[in-house]
Amino acid sequence: MIKYALRNKPIEKLVELAQSGLNDAVDLIIEKYYPMVVRIASQFYAPWAEFDDIVQNGLIGLIKAIYYFEENKSSFSTFAWRSIESEIKTFITYQNRKKNKMLSDSTSMDSVFDDVDDEQIDYFVADENTSTNVVKKTILSIVHEEILEKLNEEETQIFELWLDGYSYKEIEEMVGVNFKKVDNTVQKVKKIVRSKLSTSILPFLEG
């Protein structure tokens, strides 16, 4: 099994494989670094935000780190930590502005980050389908607003159902459209993603 064979690969090699489009490598990185995401998310507090929302934005930061990491500039762990923390801070700042709150309404507890030994990070054992769905949702969350701006009401409904893992046939029945309409909408979403992010992300949206 490919995923099993990849488990002993150095993290930088996994990132290289992920950037080349190997889905299993992305899954393993998310499994391995999920505890880091939770650890960073737990250092932030916002009375108007659910902890899961903070974690979700941390995952977005991790996904960005996977695709934007450049070897020899820093370790992946350091780069990922900064990317995750930055994405969470951006989320909190944006939400504060949106809700006309002062930045002081959200506080970050002090933390000291020493370079993390990649081999000491515990694996997060995730369900196969859950992990894949997180990858899809996280990638699409990066350009979610841009996607919704370009979809009409019916297309938005199709997109949200597809994002939740429903099959084309199930979406046809639930929305009352034909296969072509569902497929056209999904392809439209992928085209938007392609225009905004690296094309190496597209393979992870299949299925």
N, C-alpha and C. Protein backbone atom coordinates (compact mmCIF):
# COMPACT_ATOMS: atom_id res chain seq x y z
N MET A 1 0.84 -1.19 0.00
CA MET A 1 0.00 0.00 0.00
C MET A 1 0.89 1.25 0.00
N ILE A 2 0.56 2.22 -0.87
CA ILE A 2 1.41 3.40 -1.03
C ILE A 2 1.56 4.17 0.26
N LYS A 3 0.44 4.42 0.95
CA LYS A 3 0.51 5.23 2.17
C LYS A 3 1.42 4.57 3.21
N TYR A 4 1.34 3.26 3.35
CA TYR A 4 2.17 2.55 4.31
C TYR A 4 3.64 2.72 3.95
N ALA A 5 3.96 2.62 2.66
CA ALA A 5 5.34 2.74 2.20
C ALA A 5 5.89 4.14 2.41
N LEU A 6 5.02 5.13 2.46
CA LEU A 6 5.46 6.52 2.61
C LEU A 6 5.74 6.92 4.05
N ARG A 7 5.25 6.14 5.01
CA ARG A 7 5.32 6.56 6.41
C ARG A 7 6.74 6.78 6.92
N ASN A 8 7.72 6.10 6.37
CA ASN A 8 9.09 6.25 6.84
C ASN A 8 9.88 7.29 6.06
N LYS A 9 9.23 7.95 5.12
CA LYS A 9 9.90 8.98 4.32
C LYS A 9 10.12 10.23 5.17
N PRO A 10 11.24 10.94 4.98
CA PRO A 10 11.44 12.22 5.67
C PRO A 10 10.34 13.20 5.26
N ILE A 11 10.02 14.14 6.15
CA ILE A 11 8.92 15.06 5.88
C ILE A 11 9.16 15.88 4.62
N GLU A 12 10.41 16.31 4.39
CA GLU A 12 10.68 17.10 3.19
C GLU A 12 10.40 16.30 1.91
N LYS A 13 10.63 14.99 1.97
CA LYS A 13 10.34 14.13 0.81
C LYS A 13 8.84 14.02 0.62
N LEU A 14 8.09 13.90 1.72
CA LEU A 14 6.63 13.84 1.63
C LEU A 14 6.08 15.13 1.02
N VAL A 15 6.65 16.26 1.42
CA VAL A 15 6.20 17.54 0.88
C VAL A 15 6.49 17.61 -0.62
N GLU A 16 7.66 17.14 -1.01
CA GLU A 16 8.02 17.12 -2.43
C GLU A 16 7.03 16.28 -3.23
N LEU A 17 6.66 15.12 -2.69
CA LEU A 17 5.71 14.25 -3.37
C LEU A 17 4.32 14.88 -3.39
N ALA A 18 3.96 15.57 -2.32
CA ALA A 18 2.66 16.25 -2.26
C ALA A 18 2.58 17.35 -3.30
N GLN A 19 3.66 18.11 -3.46
CA GLN A 19 3.69 19.20 -4.43
C GLN A 19 3.63 18.68 -5.86
N SER A 20 4.06 17.43 -6.04
CA SER A 20 4.01 16.83 -7.38
C SER A 20 2.65 16.21 -7.68
N GLY A 21 1.75 16.19 -6.66
CA GLY A 21 0.38 15.73 -6.89
C GLY A 21 0.02 14.39 -6.28
N LEU A 22 0.83 13.88 -5.35
CA LEU A 22 0.53 12.58 -4.73
C LEU A 22 -0.40 12.77 -3.53
N ASN A 23 -1.64 12.34 -3.67
CA ASN A 23 -2.66 12.51 -2.64
C ASN A 23 -2.28 11.87 -1.32
N ASP A 24 -1.74 10.66 -1.36
CA ASP A 24 -1.38 9.96 -0.14
C ASP A 24 -0.36 10.73 0.69
N ALA A 25 0.54 11.44 0.02
CA ALA A 25 1.54 12.23 0.73
C ALA A 25 0.88 13.38 1.49
N VAL A 26 -0.10 14.02 0.85
CA VAL A 26 -0.84 15.11 1.51
C VAL A 26 -1.57 14.56 2.74
N ASP A 27 -2.23 13.42 2.59
CA ASP A 27 -2.95 12.80 3.71
C ASP A 27 -2.02 12.56 4.90
N LEU A 28 -0.83 12.03 4.61
CA LEU A 28 0.10 11.71 5.69
C LEU A 28 0.61 12.97 6.39
N ILE A 29 0.86 14.02 5.63
CA ILE A 29 1.32 15.26 6.24
C ILE A 29 0.24 15.83 7.15
N ILE A 30 -1.01 15.79 6.70
CA ILE A 30 -2.12 16.28 7.52
C ILE A 30 -2.25 15.44 8.79
N GLU A 31 -2.14 14.12 8.67
CA GLU A 31 -2.22 13.24 9.82
C GLU A 31 -1.10 13.55 10.81
N LYS A 32 0.10 13.75 10.29
CA LYS A 32 1.26 13.95 11.14
C LYS A 32 1.23 15.31 11.83
N TYR A 33 0.74 16.32 11.13
CA TYR A 33 0.80 17.69 11.67
C TYR A 33 -0.52 18.17 12.27
N TYR A 34 -1.54 17.33 12.27
CA TYR A 34 -2.80 17.74 12.90
C TYR A 34 -2.60 18.12 14.37
N PRO A 35 -1.81 17.36 15.14
CA PRO A 35 -1.59 17.77 16.54
C PRO A 35 -0.97 19.16 16.65
N MET A 36 -0.10 19.52 15.71
CA MET A 36 0.49 20.85 15.72
C MET A 36 -0.58 21.91 15.48
N VAL A 37 -1.49 21.64 14.54
CA VAL A 37 -2.57 22.58 14.25
C VAL A 37 -3.42 22.81 15.50
N VAL A 38 -3.78 21.73 16.17
CA VAL A 38 -4.60 21.84 17.39
C VAL A 38 -3.84 22.58 18.48
N ARG A 39 -2.56 22.30 18.60
CA ARG A 39 -1.73 22.95 19.62
C ARG A 39 -1.70 24.46 19.40
N ILE A 40 -1.51 24.87 18.16
CA ILE A 40 -1.46 26.31 17.86
C ILE A 40 -2.84 26.93 18.05
N ALA A 41 -3.87 26.25 17.56
CA ALA A 41 -5.24 26.78 17.68
C ALA A 41 -5.62 26.98 19.13
N SER A 42 -5.13 26.10 20.02
CA SER A 42 -5.49 26.19 21.43
C SER A 42 -4.88 27.40 22.11
N GLN A 43 -3.93 28.06 21.46
CA GLN A 43 -3.29 29.23 22.03
C GLN A 43 -4.07 30.51 21.73
N PHE A 44 -5.13 30.38 20.95
CA PHE A 44 -5.93 31.54 20.58
C PHE A 44 -7.33 31.43 21.19
N TYR A 45 -7.85 32.59 21.53
CA TYR A 45 -9.20 32.63 22.10
C TYR A 45 -9.98 33.78 21.47
N ALA A 46 -11.18 33.48 21.03
CA ALA A 46 -12.08 34.51 20.49
C ALA A 46 -13.49 34.13 20.94
N PRO A 47 -14.17 34.98 21.70
CA PRO A 47 -15.47 34.62 22.26
C PRO A 47 -16.56 34.37 21.23
N TRP A 48 -16.36 34.84 20.00
CA TRP A 48 -17.38 34.72 18.97
C TRP A 48 -17.09 33.57 18.00
N ALA A 49 -15.96 32.87 18.19
CA ALA A 49 -15.57 31.82 17.24
C ALA A 49 -15.53 30.46 17.92
N GLU A 50 -16.02 29.45 17.21
CA GLU A 50 -15.92 28.07 17.68
C GLU A 50 -14.48 27.59 17.53
N PHE A 51 -14.04 26.73 18.45
CA PHE A 51 -12.68 26.21 18.37
C PHE A 51 -12.45 25.48 17.05
N ASP A 52 -13.48 24.76 16.57
CA ASP A 52 -13.37 24.04 15.30
C ASP A 52 -13.08 24.99 14.14
N ASP A 53 -13.63 26.21 14.20
CA ASP A 53 -13.37 27.19 13.14
C ASP A 53 -11.90 27.61 13.15
N ILE A 54 -11.36 27.77 14.34
CA ILE A 54 -9.95 28.15 14.46
C ILE A 54 -9.06 27.02 13.94
N VAL A 55 -9.41 25.78 14.30
CA VAL A 55 -8.65 24.62 13.82
C VAL A 55 -8.74 24.52 12.30
N GLN A 56 -9.94 24.72 11.74
CA GLN A 56 -10.12 24.64 10.29
C GLN A 56 -9.22 25.63 9.57
N ASN A 57 -9.12 26.84 10.10
CA ASN A 57 -8.25 27.84 9.48
C ASN A 57 -6.79 27.49 9.67
N GLY A 58 -6.48 26.81 10.79
CA GLY A 58 -5.13 26.31 10.96
C GLY A 58 -4.79 25.26 9.90
N LEU A 59 -5.77 24.43 9.56
CA LEU A 59 -5.56 23.43 8.51
C LEU A 59 -5.33 24.09 7.15
N ILE A 60 -6.01 25.21 6.92
CA ILE A 60 -5.77 25.96 5.68
C ILE A 60 -4.31 26.41 5.64
N GLY A 61 -3.82 26.89 6.79
CA GLY A 61 -2.42 27.30 6.87
C GLY A 61 -1.48 26.15 6.59
N LEU A 62 -1.84 24.96 7.07
CA LEU A 62 -1.00 23.77 6.83
C LEU A 62 -1.00 23.41 5.35
N ILE A 63 -2.17 23.44 4.73
CA ILE A 63 -2.26 23.15 3.28
C ILE A 63 -1.41 24.13 2.49
N LYS A 64 -1.50 25.41 2.84
CA LYS A 64 -0.68 26.42 2.14
C LYS A 64 0.80 26.13 2.33
N ALA A 65 1.17 25.72 3.54
CA ALA A 65 2.57 25.41 3.81
C ALA A 65 3.07 24.27 2.93
N ILE A 66 2.21 23.28 2.73
CA ILE A 66 2.60 22.13 1.90
C ILE A 66 2.97 22.59 0.49
N TYR A 67 2.16 23.47 -0.08
CA TYR A 67 2.37 23.87 -1.47
C TYR A 67 3.36 25.00 -1.66
N TYR A 68 3.58 25.81 -0.62
CA TYR A 68 4.47 26.96 -0.78
C TYR A 68 5.84 26.76 -0.14
N PHE A 69 6.06 25.61 0.49
CA PHE A 69 7.34 25.34 1.13
C PHE A 69 8.46 25.23 0.09
N GLU A 70 9.59 25.88 0.41
CA GLU A 70 10.78 25.80 -0.42
C GLU A 70 11.92 25.24 0.43
N GLU A 71 12.46 24.14 -0.02
CA GLU A 71 13.51 23.47 0.74
C GLU A 71 14.74 24.35 0.83
N ASN A 72 15.52 24.17 1.88
CA ASN A 72 16.78 24.88 2.14
C ASN A 72 16.59 26.28 2.73
N LYS A 73 15.35 26.76 2.82
CA LYS A 73 15.10 28.06 3.43
C LYS A 73 14.80 27.91 4.92
N SER A 74 14.19 26.80 5.29
CA SER A 74 13.90 26.50 6.70
C SER A 74 13.42 25.07 6.76
N SER A 75 13.25 24.55 7.98
CA SER A 75 12.67 23.21 8.09
C SER A 75 11.18 23.32 7.80
N PHE A 76 10.58 22.22 7.38
CA PHE A 76 9.15 22.27 7.08
C PHE A 76 8.35 22.54 8.35
N SER A 77 8.78 21.97 9.47
CA SER A 77 8.06 22.17 10.73
C SER A 77 7.98 23.64 11.10
N THR A 78 9.11 24.35 10.97
CA THR A 78 9.14 25.77 11.27
C THR A 78 8.25 26.55 10.31
N PHE A 79 8.34 26.22 9.03
CA PHE A 79 7.55 26.90 8.01
C PHE A 79 6.06 26.65 8.22
N ALA A 80 5.72 25.40 8.53
CA ALA A 80 4.32 25.05 8.75
C ALA A 80 3.76 25.76 9.98
N TRP A 81 4.53 25.79 11.06
CA TRP A 81 4.08 26.48 12.29
C TRP A 81 3.74 27.93 11.98
N ARG A 82 4.64 28.60 11.29
CA ARG A 82 4.41 30.02 10.98
C ARG A 82 3.21 30.22 10.07
N SER A 83 3.05 29.32 9.10
CA SER A 83 1.93 29.42 8.17
C SER A 83 0.60 29.19 8.88
N ILE A 84 0.56 28.19 9.74
CA ILE A 84 -0.66 27.88 10.51
C ILE A 84 -1.02 29.05 11.42
N GLU A 85 -0.03 29.54 12.16
CA GLU A 85 -0.27 30.64 13.09
C GLU A 85 -0.72 31.90 12.33
N SER A 86 -0.09 32.17 11.19
CA SER A 86 -0.44 33.34 10.40
C SER A 86 -1.87 33.27 9.89
N GLU A 87 -2.28 32.08 9.44
CA GLU A 87 -3.64 31.91 8.91
C GLU A 87 -4.68 32.11 10.01
N ILE A 88 -4.40 31.61 11.19
CA ILE A 88 -5.33 31.77 12.32
C ILE A 88 -5.42 33.25 12.71
N LYS A 89 -4.29 33.92 12.76
CA LYS A 89 -4.29 35.34 13.11
C LYS A 89 -5.07 36.16 12.07
N THR A 90 -4.89 35.79 10.79
CA THR A 90 -5.61 36.48 9.72
C THR A 90 -7.11 36.27 9.87
N PHE A 91 -7.51 35.04 10.19
CA PHE A 91 -8.92 34.71 10.40
C PHE A 91 -9.51 35.54 11.54
N ILE A 92 -8.79 35.60 12.65
CA ILE A 92 -9.28 36.32 13.82
C ILE A 92 -9.37 37.82 13.53
N THR A 93 -8.34 38.36 12.87
CA THR A 93 -8.33 39.78 12.54
C THR A 93 -9.48 40.12 11.60
N TYR A 94 -9.66 39.29 10.57
CA TYR A 94 -10.74 39.52 9.60
C TYR A 94 -12.10 39.49 10.27
N GLN A 95 -12.31 38.49 11.12
CA GLN A 95 -13.60 38.36 11.80
C GLN A 95 -13.83 39.52 12.76
N ASN A 96 -12.77 39.98 13.41
CA ASN A 96 -12.90 41.13 14.31
C ASN A 96 -13.35 42.37 13.54
N ARG A 97 -12.73 42.57 12.38
CA ARG A 97 -13.10 43.72 11.57
C ARG A 97 -14.53 43.58 11.06
N LYS A 98 -14.86 42.37 10.65
CA LYS A 98 -16.19 42.12 10.11
C LYS A 98 -17.26 42.39 11.16
N LYS A 99 -16.94 42.06 12.38
CA LYS A 99 -17.92 42.22 13.45
C LYS A 99 -17.71 43.54 14.20
N ASN A 100 -16.85 44.42 13.66
CA ASN A 100 -16.60 45.73 14.28
C ASN A 100 -16.13 45.61 15.72
N LYS A 101 -15.26 44.62 15.94
CA LYS A 101 -14.69 44.43 17.27
C LYS A 101 -13.25 44.88 17.27
N MET A 102 -12.75 45.20 18.41
CA MET A 102 -11.35 45.56 18.55
C MET A 102 -10.51 44.29 18.53
N LEU A 103 -9.29 44.41 18.02
CA LEU A 103 -8.40 43.26 17.96
C LEU A 103 -8.14 42.68 19.34
N SER A 104 -8.27 43.51 20.36
CA SER A 104 -8.02 43.04 21.72
C SER A 104 -9.07 42.06 22.21
N ASP A 105 -10.20 41.94 21.49
CA ASP A 105 -11.22 40.98 21.87
C ASP A 105 -10.73 39.55 21.70
N SER A 106 -9.70 39.41 20.88
CA SER A 106 -9.11 38.09 20.69
C SER A 106 -7.70 38.13 21.26
N THR A 107 -7.35 37.15 22.05
CA THR A 107 -6.03 37.14 22.67
C THR A 107 -5.29 35.87 22.33
N SER A 108 -4.00 36.01 22.20
CA SER A 108 -3.15 34.85 21.96
C SER A 108 -2.24 34.67 23.15
N MET A 109 -2.28 33.49 23.74
CA MET A 109 -1.40 33.20 24.86
C MET A 109 0.03 33.08 24.37
N ASP A 110 0.96 33.57 25.18
CA ASP A 110 2.37 33.53 24.80
C ASP A 110 2.83 32.10 24.62
N SER A 111 3.64 31.89 23.58
CA SER A 111 4.21 30.56 23.37
C SER A 111 5.60 30.70 22.81
N VAL A 112 6.43 29.74 23.14
CA VAL A 112 7.78 29.73 22.63
C VAL A 112 7.93 28.51 21.75
N PHE A 113 8.35 28.74 20.50
CA PHE A 113 8.44 27.61 19.57
C PHE A 113 9.90 27.32 19.25
N ASP A 114 10.39 26.20 19.72
CA ASP A 114 11.71 25.74 19.34
C ASP A 114 11.53 24.85 18.13
N ASP A 115 12.55 24.75 17.30
CA ASP A 115 12.45 23.90 16.12
C ASP A 115 11.97 22.52 16.52
N VAL A 116 10.91 22.05 15.88
CA VAL A 116 10.30 20.78 16.25
C VAL A 116 10.98 19.65 15.52
N ASP A 117 11.30 18.61 16.26
CA ASP A 117 11.87 17.42 15.65
C ASP A 117 10.76 16.68 14.93
N ASP A 118 10.89 16.54 13.61
CA ASP A 118 9.83 15.92 12.83
C ASP A 118 9.46 14.54 13.34
N GLU A 119 10.45 13.82 13.85
CA GLU A 119 10.20 12.45 14.26
C GLU A 119 9.47 12.37 15.61
N GLN A 120 9.39 13.50 16.34
CA GLN A 120 8.75 13.49 17.64
C GLN A 120 7.30 13.90 17.60
N ILE A 121 6.83 14.28 16.43
CA ILE A 121 5.43 14.67 16.31
C ILE A 121 4.58 13.42 16.17
N ASP A 122 3.63 13.24 17.08
CA ASP A 122 2.79 12.05 17.05
C ASP A 122 1.87 12.09 15.84
N TYR A 123 1.62 10.93 15.28
CA TYR A 123 0.68 10.84 14.16
C TYR A 123 -0.75 10.95 14.67
N PHE A 124 -1.57 11.64 13.90
CA PHE A 124 -3.00 11.68 14.18
C PHE A 124 -3.64 10.63 13.29
N VAL A 125 -4.18 9.59 13.88
CA VAL A 125 -4.76 8.50 13.10
C VAL A 125 -6.16 8.90 12.66
N ALA A 126 -6.27 9.26 11.40
CA ALA A 126 -7.55 9.74 10.87
C ALA A 126 -8.19 8.69 9.99
N ASP A 127 -9.50 8.72 9.94
CA ASP A 127 -10.22 7.85 9.03
C ASP A 127 -9.89 8.24 7.60
N GLU A 128 -9.75 7.27 6.71
CA GLU A 128 -9.35 7.52 5.33
C GLU A 128 -10.26 8.52 4.66
N ASN A 129 -11.57 8.33 4.74
CA ASN A 129 -12.51 9.23 4.08
C ASN A 129 -12.51 10.61 4.71
N THR A 130 -12.38 10.65 6.05
CA THR A 130 -12.35 11.93 6.75
C THR A 130 -11.15 12.75 6.32
N SER A 131 -9.99 12.09 6.22
CA SER A 131 -8.77 12.79 5.83
C SER A 131 -8.89 13.38 4.44
N THR A 132 -9.40 12.58 3.50
CA THR A 132 -9.56 13.05 2.13
C THR A 132 -10.54 14.21 2.06
N ASN A 133 -11.63 14.13 2.81
CA ASN A 133 -12.63 15.18 2.80
C ASN A 133 -12.06 16.47 3.39
N VAL A 134 -11.21 16.35 4.42
CA VAL A 134 -10.58 17.52 5.00
C VAL A 134 -9.68 18.20 3.97
N VAL A 135 -8.94 17.41 3.20
CA VAL A 135 -8.08 17.97 2.16
C VAL A 135 -8.91 18.79 1.18
N LYS A 136 -10.00 18.18 0.69
CA LYS A 136 -10.86 18.87 -0.28
C LYS A 136 -11.44 20.15 0.30
N LYS A 137 -12.00 20.05 1.50
CA LYS A 137 -12.64 21.21 2.13
C LYS A 137 -11.63 22.31 2.41
N THR A 138 -10.46 21.91 2.87
CA THR A 138 -9.45 22.90 3.22
C THR A 138 -8.94 23.64 2.00
N ILE A 139 -8.67 22.92 0.93
CA ILE A 139 -8.21 23.54 -0.31
C ILE A 139 -9.26 24.51 -0.84
N LEU A 140 -10.52 24.09 -0.88
CA LEU A 140 -11.58 24.94 -1.40
C LEU A 140 -11.87 26.11 -0.48
N SER A 141 -11.59 25.95 0.81
CA SER A 141 -11.81 27.05 1.75
C SER A 141 -10.90 28.23 1.44
N ILE A 142 -9.74 27.95 0.85
CA ILE A 142 -8.80 29.01 0.53
C ILE A 142 -9.41 30.01 -0.44
N VAL A 143 -10.23 29.53 -1.37
CA VAL A 143 -10.83 30.42 -2.37
C VAL A 143 -12.35 30.34 -2.32
N HIS A 144 -12.89 30.03 -1.14
CA HIS A 144 -14.33 29.80 -1.00
C HIS A 144 -15.15 31.02 -1.42
N GLU A 145 -14.74 32.19 -0.97
CA GLU A 145 -15.50 33.40 -1.28
C GLU A 145 -15.49 33.70 -2.77
N GLU A 146 -14.32 33.51 -3.40
CA GLU A 146 -14.22 33.74 -4.85
C GLU A 146 -15.14 32.79 -5.62
N ILE A 147 -15.24 31.55 -5.12
CA ILE A 147 -16.10 30.56 -5.77
C ILE A 147 -17.56 30.98 -5.68
N LEU A 148 -18.01 31.33 -4.47
CA LEU A 148 -19.41 31.69 -4.27
C LEU A 148 -19.81 32.93 -5.06
N GLU A 149 -18.87 33.84 -5.26
CA GLU A 149 -19.17 35.06 -6.01
C GLU A 149 -19.51 34.76 -7.47
N LYS A 150 -19.02 33.63 -7.97
CA LYS A 150 -19.18 33.29 -9.38
C LYS A 150 -20.27 32.23 -9.63
N LEU A 151 -20.97 31.81 -8.57
CA LEU A 151 -22.02 30.80 -8.71
C LEU A 151 -23.39 31.40 -8.46
N ASN A 152 -24.38 30.93 -9.21
CA ASN A 152 -25.74 31.37 -8.91
C ASN A 152 -26.30 30.50 -7.78
N GLU A 153 -27.53 30.73 -7.40
CA GLU A 153 -28.11 30.04 -6.24
C GLU A 153 -28.13 28.52 -6.42
N GLU A 154 -28.54 28.06 -7.60
CA GLU A 154 -28.60 26.62 -7.85
C GLU A 154 -27.21 26.01 -7.86
N GLU A 155 -26.25 26.70 -8.49
CA GLU A 155 -24.88 26.20 -8.54
C GLU A 155 -24.26 26.17 -7.15
N THR A 156 -24.58 27.14 -6.33
CA THR A 156 -24.07 27.17 -4.96
C THR A 156 -24.57 25.95 -4.19
N GLN A 157 -25.84 25.60 -4.37
CA GLN A 157 -26.41 24.44 -3.70
C GLN A 157 -25.70 23.17 -4.15
N ILE A 158 -25.44 23.06 -5.44
CA ILE A 158 -24.74 21.89 -5.98
C ILE A 158 -23.33 21.82 -5.41
N PHE A 159 -22.65 22.95 -5.39
CA PHE A 159 -21.28 23.02 -4.88
C PHE A 159 -21.19 22.59 -3.42
N GLU A 160 -22.10 23.10 -2.60
CA GLU A 160 -22.06 22.78 -1.17
C GLU A 160 -22.32 21.30 -0.93
N LEU A 161 -23.24 20.71 -1.70
CA LEU A 161 -23.52 19.27 -1.56
C LEU A 161 -22.31 18.44 -2.00
N TRP A 162 -21.69 18.84 -3.11
CA TRP A 162 -20.51 18.14 -3.59
C TRP A 162 -19.38 18.24 -2.58
N LEU A 163 -19.24 19.41 -1.98
CA LEU A 163 -18.20 19.62 -0.97
C LEU A 163 -18.44 18.74 0.25
N ASP A 164 -19.71 18.45 0.55
CA ASP A 164 -20.04 17.60 1.70
C ASP A 164 -19.93 16.11 1.37
N GLY A 165 -19.52 15.80 0.14
CA GLY A 165 -19.25 14.41 -0.20
C GLY A 165 -20.37 13.65 -0.88
N TYR A 166 -21.44 14.35 -1.28
CA TYR A 166 -22.53 13.67 -1.98
C TYR A 166 -22.12 13.32 -3.41
N SER A 167 -22.63 12.20 -3.92
CA SER A 167 -22.32 11.78 -5.27
C SER A 167 -23.12 12.61 -6.27
N TYR A 168 -22.71 12.55 -7.54
CA TYR A 168 -23.43 13.28 -8.58
C TYR A 168 -24.90 12.86 -8.60
N LYS A 169 -25.14 11.55 -8.49
CA LYS A 169 -26.52 11.04 -8.56
C LYS A 169 -27.36 11.57 -7.40
N GLU A 170 -26.76 11.59 -6.21
CA GLU A 170 -27.48 12.10 -5.04
C GLU A 170 -27.79 13.58 -5.20
N ILE A 171 -26.83 14.32 -5.76
CA ILE A 171 -27.04 15.76 -5.97
C ILE A 171 -28.14 15.99 -7.00
N GLU A 172 -28.14 15.18 -8.07
CA GLU A 172 -29.19 15.29 -9.09
C GLU A 172 -30.58 15.20 -8.44
N GLU A 173 -30.74 14.20 -7.58
CA GLU A 173 -32.03 13.96 -6.95
C GLU A 173 -32.40 15.05 -5.94
N MET A 174 -31.41 15.52 -5.19
CA MET A 174 -31.67 16.50 -4.14
C MET A 174 -31.95 17.89 -4.70
N VAL A 175 -31.27 18.25 -5.78
CA VAL A 175 -31.44 19.60 -6.35
C VAL A 175 -32.47 19.61 -7.48
N GLY A 176 -32.67 18.42 -8.09
CA GLY A 176 -33.61 18.36 -9.20
C GLY A 176 -33.01 18.81 -10.51
N VAL A 177 -31.76 18.44 -10.75
CA VAL A 177 -31.07 18.79 -12.00
C VAL A 177 -30.52 17.52 -12.64
N ASN A 178 -30.00 17.64 -13.86
CA ASN A 178 -29.44 16.46 -14.52
C ASN A 178 -27.93 16.37 -14.27
N PHE A 179 -27.37 15.26 -14.72
CA PHE A 179 -25.95 14.98 -14.51
C PHE A 179 -25.07 16.08 -15.08
N LYS A 180 -25.42 16.55 -16.28
CA LYS A 180 -24.59 17.56 -16.95
C LYS A 180 -24.51 18.84 -16.13
N LYS A 181 -25.62 19.24 -15.52
CA LYS A 181 -25.62 20.46 -14.71
C LYS A 181 -24.70 20.31 -13.51
N VAL A 182 -24.74 19.15 -12.87
CA VAL A 182 -23.88 18.90 -11.72
C VAL A 182 -22.42 18.94 -12.15
N ASP A 183 -22.11 18.22 -13.22
CA ASP A 183 -20.72 18.15 -13.68
C ASP A 183 -20.22 19.52 -14.13
N ASN A 184 -21.05 20.26 -14.84
CA ASN A 184 -20.65 21.59 -15.29
C ASN A 184 -20.32 22.50 -14.12
N THR A 185 -21.11 22.38 -13.05
CA THR A 185 -20.88 23.21 -11.86
C THR A 185 -19.56 22.83 -11.18
N VAL A 186 -19.32 21.53 -11.04
CA VAL A 186 -18.09 21.06 -10.41
C VAL A 186 -16.88 21.50 -11.24
N GLN A 187 -16.97 21.38 -12.57
CA GLN A 187 -15.87 21.80 -13.43
C GLN A 187 -15.65 23.31 -13.35
N LYS A 188 -16.73 24.05 -13.18
CA LYS A 188 -16.64 25.51 -13.03
C LYS A 188 -15.88 25.85 -11.76
N VAL A 189 -16.17 25.13 -10.68
CA VAL A 189 -15.46 25.34 -9.42
C VAL A 189 -13.98 25.04 -9.58
N LYS A 190 -13.67 23.94 -10.23
CA LYS A 190 -12.27 23.56 -10.43
C LYS A 190 -11.52 24.59 -11.28
N LYS A 191 -12.24 25.17 -12.23
CA LYS A 191 -11.63 26.20 -13.08
C LYS A 191 -11.27 27.44 -12.25
N ILE A 192 -12.14 27.78 -11.31
CA ILE A 192 -11.88 28.92 -10.42
C ILE A 192 -10.66 28.63 -9.56
N VAL A 193 -10.61 27.41 -9.00
CA VAL A 193 -9.47 27.01 -8.17
C VAL A 193 -8.19 27.05 -8.99
N ARG A 194 -8.26 26.55 -10.23
CA ARG A 194 -7.09 26.52 -11.11
C ARG A 194 -6.56 27.92 -11.37
N SER A 195 -7.45 28.89 -11.45
CA SER A 195 -7.03 30.27 -11.75
C SER A 195 -6.43 30.96 -10.52
N LYS A 196 -6.72 30.42 -9.33
CA LYS A 196 -6.27 31.07 -8.10
C LYS A 196 -5.07 30.38 -7.45
N LEU A 197 -4.98 29.05 -7.61
CA LEU A 197 -3.95 28.29 -6.92
C LEU A 197 -3.14 27.45 -7.88
N SER A 198 -2.11 26.84 -7.37
CA SER A 198 -1.26 25.97 -8.17
C SER A 198 -2.07 24.82 -8.76
N THR A 199 -1.76 24.47 -10.01
CA THR A 199 -2.48 23.39 -10.68
C THR A 199 -2.24 22.04 -10.02
N SER A 200 -1.20 21.94 -9.19
CA SER A 200 -0.94 20.67 -8.51
C SER A 200 -2.01 20.34 -7.49
N ILE A 201 -2.85 21.33 -7.13
CA ILE A 201 -3.91 21.10 -6.16
C ILE A 201 -5.08 20.35 -6.78
N LEU A 202 -5.30 20.53 -8.07
CA LEU A 202 -6.48 19.97 -8.74
C LEU A 202 -6.67 18.47 -8.53
N PRO A 203 -5.61 17.63 -8.57
CA PRO A 203 -5.84 16.19 -8.38
C PRO A 203 -6.51 15.83 -7.07
N PHE A 204 -6.37 16.67 -6.05
CA PHE A 204 -6.95 16.36 -4.75
C PHE A 204 -8.42 16.71 -4.68
N LEU A 205 -8.97 17.33 -5.74
CA LEU A 205 -10.39 17.66 -5.77
C LEU A 205 -11.18 16.64 -6.55
N GLU A 206 -10.51 15.66 -7.12
CA GLU A 206 -11.19 14.66 -7.92
C GLU A 206 -11.99 13.73 -7.02
N GLY A 207 -13.07 13.22 -7.58
CA GLY A 207 -13.86 12.23 -6.84
C GLY A 207 -15.09 12.84 -6.23
